[in-house]
Amino acid sequence: MTLTAPAGAADLAAQDFDIMSPRCPSRTVLRHVVDRWTPLIVTALAEAPLRFGRLRERVGGVTPKVLAETLRSLERDGLVLRTVTPTSPPRVDYELTGLGATLAGPIQTLREWAEDHADTVLAARERYDAA
C-alpha cells in the first residue's frame, strides 16, 4: 500500500487497505465507526429517519453539541443524509444513506454481542478489581 500522496476517489478505490498498518486511512474510518455515539446513532436511524430532537431522545445521554458534531462527521463520511425542508421553522431530518445502511448490520451484531455478554464482562471486571 502506497500512501505518500493524497489520492482521488478513483485512486482510493484501487488501493489495498490494511487496517493494521498505522498509516492506513481505513483507521480513521474505523475510529469514526466505533466512536462513542456513532453505533447508537446508526442503530436509531436504521429504524427510521429522525429529526434532531427525536434522535437525541432515542440515543439518550448525548449532548446537543456532541450529537450535532457526530452527525456532521457521519454526513461528511457519506453515512448520513441531512434533509432540510423549508418550513417555518425549517424541518431537518436525518437518515442513513445506502452506505450507512450497510453499517447497520455489523453494528447490530456488535450490539447483540454487548447485550448478550454484558453480565459476563461485568462479572470479570468485579473479579479483576477484587484481586
C-alpha atoms as a PDB file:
ATOM      1  CA  MET A   1       0.000   0.000   0.000  1.00  0.00           C
ATOM      2  CA  THR A   2       1.443   3.372  -1.006  1.00  0.00           C
ATOM      3  CA  LEU A   3       0.092   6.416   0.829  1.00  0.00           C
ATOM      4  CA  THR A   4       2.654   9.078   0.054  1.00  0.00           C
ATOM      5  CA  ALA A   5       0.374  11.483  -1.802  1.00  0.00           C
ATOM      6  CA  PRO A   6      -3.304  12.289  -1.467  1.00  0.00           C
ATOM      7  CA  ALA A   7      -5.320  10.247  -3.910  1.00  0.00           C
ATOM      8  CA  GLY A   8      -8.579  10.962  -5.665  1.00  0.00           C
ATOM      9  CA  ALA A   9     -11.620   8.775  -5.117  1.00  0.00           C
ATOM     10  CA  ALA A  10     -10.762   6.612  -8.142  1.00  0.00           C
ATOM     11  CA  ASP A  11      -7.236   6.038  -6.822  1.00  0.00           C
ATOM     12  CA  LEU A  12      -8.531   5.176  -3.362  1.00  0.00           C
ATOM     13  CA  ALA A  13     -10.870   2.542  -4.771  1.00  0.00           C
ATOM     14  CA  ALA A  14      -7.895   0.760  -6.297  1.00  0.00           C
ATOM     15  CA  GLN A  15      -5.814   0.738  -3.095  1.00  0.00           C
ATOM     16  CA  ASP A  16      -5.412  -2.240  -0.840  1.00  0.00           C
ATOM     17  CA  PHE A  17      -6.271  -1.031   2.623  1.00  0.00           C
ATOM     18  CA  ASP A  18      -4.696  -2.679   5.664  1.00  0.00           C
ATOM     19  CA  ILE A  19      -6.188  -1.539   8.953  1.00  0.00           C
ATOM     20  CA  MET A  20      -3.225  -2.988  10.826  1.00  0.00           C
ATOM     21  CA  SER A  21      -0.897  -0.518   9.114  1.00  0.00           C
ATOM     22  CA  PRO A  22      -0.503   2.673  11.189  1.00  0.00           C
ATOM     23  CA  ARG A  23      -0.580   4.881   8.062  1.00  0.00           C
ATOM     24  CA  CYS A  24      -3.657   3.305   6.510  1.00  0.00           C
ATOM     25  CA  PRO A  25      -6.596   5.732   6.153  1.00  0.00           C
ATOM     26  CA  SER A  26      -9.017   2.919   6.981  1.00  0.00           C
ATOM     27  CA  ARG A  27      -8.033   3.504  10.612  1.00  0.00           C
ATOM     28  CA  THR A  28      -9.776   6.875  10.595  1.00  0.00           C
ATOM     29  CA  VAL A  29     -12.859   5.184   9.149  1.00  0.00           C
ATOM     30  CA  LEU A  30     -12.792   2.607  11.941  1.00  0.00           C
ATOM     31  CA  ARG A  31     -12.255   5.321  14.540  1.00  0.00           C
ATOM     32  CA  HIS A  32     -15.379   7.166  13.353  1.00  0.00           C
ATOM     33  CA  VAL A  33     -17.436   3.986  13.173  1.00  0.00           C
ATOM     34  CA  VAL A  34     -16.640   2.867  16.716  1.00  0.00           C
ATOM     35  CA  ASP A  35     -16.628   6.212  18.474  1.00  0.00           C
ATOM     36  CA  ARG A  36     -18.896   6.538  21.489  1.00  0.00           C
ATOM     37  CA  TRP A  37     -22.040   7.776  19.700  1.00  0.00           C
ATOM     38  CA  THR A  38     -21.871   6.503  16.116  1.00  0.00           C
ATOM     39  CA  PRO A  39     -23.163   2.972  16.822  1.00  0.00           C
ATOM     40  CA  LEU A  40     -26.114   4.393  18.755  1.00  0.00           C
ATOM     41  CA  ILE A  41     -26.950   6.951  16.073  1.00  0.00           C
ATOM     42  CA  VAL A  42     -26.722   4.352  13.303  1.00  0.00           C
ATOM     43  CA  THR A  43     -28.932   1.979  15.315  1.00  0.00           C
ATOM     44  CA  ALA A  44     -31.563   4.671  15.819  1.00  0.00           C
ATOM     45  CA  LEU A  45     -31.512   5.798  12.182  1.00  0.00           C
ATOM     46  CA  ALA A  46     -31.655   2.181  10.949  1.00  0.00           C
ATOM     47  CA  GLU A  47     -35.159   2.065  12.414  1.00  0.00           C
ATOM     48  CA  ALA A  48     -36.381   5.226  10.662  1.00  0.00           C
ATOM     49  CA  PRO A  49     -35.330   8.744   9.641  1.00  0.00           C
ATOM     50  CA  LEU A  50     -35.489  11.087  12.635  1.00  0.00           C
ATOM     51  CA  ARG A  51     -35.449  14.763  13.448  1.00  0.00           C
ATOM     52  CA  PHE A  52     -32.654  16.046  15.665  1.00  0.00           C
ATOM     53  CA  GLY A  53     -34.686  16.226  18.891  1.00  0.00           C
ATOM     54  CA  ARG A  54     -36.194  12.782  18.467  1.00  0.00           C
ATOM     55  CA  LEU A  55     -32.789  11.327  17.589  1.00  0.00           C
ATOM     56  CA  ARG A  56     -31.320  12.863  20.731  1.00  0.00           C
ATOM     57  CA  GLU A  57     -34.118  11.327  22.817  1.00  0.00           C
ATOM     58  CA  ARG A  58     -33.667   7.947  21.144  1.00  0.00           C
ATOM     59  CA  VAL A  59     -29.907   7.871  21.686  1.00  0.00           C
ATOM     60  CA  GLY A  60     -30.112   9.068  25.297  1.00  0.00           C
ATOM     61  CA  GLY A  61     -27.311  10.839  27.143  1.00  0.00           C
ATOM     62  CA  VAL A  62     -25.770  12.683  24.205  1.00  0.00           C
ATOM     63  CA  THR A  63     -25.494  16.460  24.403  1.00  0.00           C
ATOM     64  CA  PRO A  64     -26.872  18.552  21.530  1.00  0.00           C
ATOM     65  CA  LYS A  65     -23.363  19.766  20.689  1.00  0.00           C
ATOM     66  CA  VAL A  66     -21.873  16.275  20.508  1.00  0.00           C
ATOM     67  CA  LEU A  67     -24.844  14.945  18.544  1.00  0.00           C
ATOM     68  CA  ALA A  68     -24.524  17.772  16.014  1.00  0.00           C
ATOM     69  CA  GLU A  69     -20.765  17.188  15.669  1.00  0.00           C
ATOM     70  CA  THR A  70     -21.219  13.441  15.253  1.00  0.00           C
ATOM     71  CA  LEU A  71     -23.994  13.872  12.690  1.00  0.00           C
ATOM     72  CA  ARG A  72     -21.802  16.320  10.754  1.00  0.00           C
ATOM     73  CA  SER A  73     -18.969  13.795  10.750  1.00  0.00           C
ATOM     74  CA  LEU A  74     -21.286  10.989   9.629  1.00  0.00           C
ATOM     75  CA  GLU A  75     -22.657  13.215   6.874  1.00  0.00           C
ATOM     76  CA  ARG A  76     -19.112  14.066   5.752  1.00  0.00           C
ATOM     77  CA  ASP A  77     -18.278  10.343   5.630  1.00  0.00           C
ATOM     78  CA  GLY A  78     -21.329   9.671   3.462  1.00  0.00           C
ATOM     79  CA  LEU A  79     -23.149   7.631   6.102  1.00  0.00           C
ATOM     80  CA  VAL A  80     -25.956  10.056   6.983  1.00  0.00           C
ATOM     81  CA  LEU A  81     -28.110  12.297   4.827  1.00  0.00           C
ATOM     82  CA  ARG A  82     -29.370  15.576   6.266  1.00  0.00           C
ATOM     83  CA  THR A  83     -32.530  16.881   4.608  1.00  0.00           C
ATOM     84  CA  VAL A  84     -33.813  20.408   5.279  1.00  0.00           C
ATOM     85  CA  THR A  85     -37.460  21.084   4.471  1.00  0.00           C
ATOM     86  CA  PRO A  86     -38.088  24.832   4.011  1.00  0.00           C
ATOM     87  CA  THR A  87     -40.860  25.381   6.529  1.00  0.00           C
ATOM     88  CA  SER A  88     -41.077  27.850   9.368  1.00  0.00           C
ATOM     89  CA  PRO A  89     -39.116  26.821  11.366  1.00  0.00           C
ATOM     90  CA  PRO A  90     -37.126  24.653   8.956  1.00  0.00           C
ATOM     91  CA  ARG A  91     -37.593  20.919   9.409  1.00  0.00           C
ATOM     92  CA  VAL A  92     -34.371  18.890   9.439  1.00  0.00           C
ATOM     93  CA  ASP A  93     -34.416  15.122   9.103  1.00  0.00           C
ATOM     94  CA  TYR A  94     -31.547  12.663   9.314  1.00  0.00           C
ATOM     95  CA  GLU A  95     -31.435   9.246   7.677  1.00  0.00           C
ATOM     96  CA  LEU A  96     -28.874   6.639   6.745  1.00  0.00           C
ATOM     97  CA  THR A  97     -27.525   6.680   3.215  1.00  0.00           C
ATOM     98  CA  GLY A  98     -27.101   3.428   1.314  1.00  0.00           C
ATOM     99  CA  LEU A  99     -23.552   3.252   2.657  1.00  0.00           C
ATOM    100  CA  GLY A 100     -24.766   3.987   6.186  1.00  0.00           C
ATOM    101  CA  ALA A 101     -27.343   1.205   5.904  1.00  0.00           C
ATOM    102  CA  THR A 102     -24.528  -1.271   5.184  1.00  0.00           C
ATOM    103  CA  LEU A 103     -23.082  -0.366   8.578  1.00  0.00           C
ATOM    104  CA  ALA A 104     -26.325  -1.098  10.447  1.00  0.00           C
ATOM    105  CA  GLY A 105     -25.904  -4.895  10.230  1.00  0.00           C
ATOM    106  CA  PRO A 106     -22.393  -5.070  11.706  1.00  0.00           C
ATOM    107  CA  ILE A 107     -23.395  -2.602  14.415  1.00  0.00           C
ATOM    108  CA  GLN A 108     -26.472  -4.710  15.211  1.00  0.00           C
ATOM    109  CA  THR A 109     -24.200  -7.748  15.570  1.00  0.00           C
ATOM    110  CA  LEU A 110     -21.915  -5.805  17.922  1.00  0.00           C
ATOM    111  CA  ARG A 111     -24.939  -4.555  19.874  1.00  0.00           C
ATOM    112  CA  GLU A 112     -26.257  -8.096  20.299  1.00  0.00           C
ATOM    113  CA  TRP A 113     -22.844  -9.288  21.436  1.00  0.00           C
ATOM    114  CA  ALA A 114     -22.608  -6.481  24.015  1.00  0.00           C
ATOM    115  CA  GLU A 115     -26.113  -7.126  25.328  1.00  0.00           C
ATOM    116  CA  ASP A 116     -25.595 -10.926  25.420  1.00  0.00           C
ATOM    117  CA  HIS A 117     -22.242 -10.716  27.197  1.00  0.00           C
ATOM    118  CA  ALA A 118     -22.606  -7.661  29.427  1.00  0.00           C
ATOM    119  CA  ASP A 119     -23.212  -9.755  32.544  1.00  0.00           C
ATOM    120  CA  THR A 120     -20.101 -11.882  31.887  1.00  0.00           C
ATOM    121  CA  VAL A 121     -17.930  -8.810  31.258  1.00  0.00           C
ATOM    122  CA  LEU A 122     -19.234  -7.071  34.387  1.00  0.00           C
ATOM    123  CA  ALA A 123     -18.542 -10.187  36.465  1.00  0.00           C
ATOM    124  CA  ALA A 124     -14.992 -10.367  35.053  1.00  0.00           C
ATOM    125  CA  ARG A 125     -14.447  -6.711  35.991  1.00  0.00           C
ATOM    126  CA  GLU A 126     -15.594  -7.414  39.547  1.00  0.00           C
ATOM    127  CA  ARG A 127     -13.232 -10.399  39.842  1.00  0.00           C
ATOM    128  CA  TYR A 128     -10.332  -8.366  38.413  1.00  0.00           C
ATOM    129  CA  ASP A 129     -10.979  -5.376  40.683  1.00  0.00           C
ATOM    130  CA  ALA A 130     -11.281  -7.629  43.747  1.00  0.00           C
ATOM    131  CA  ALA A 131      -7.915  -9.287  43.068  1.00  0.00           C
END
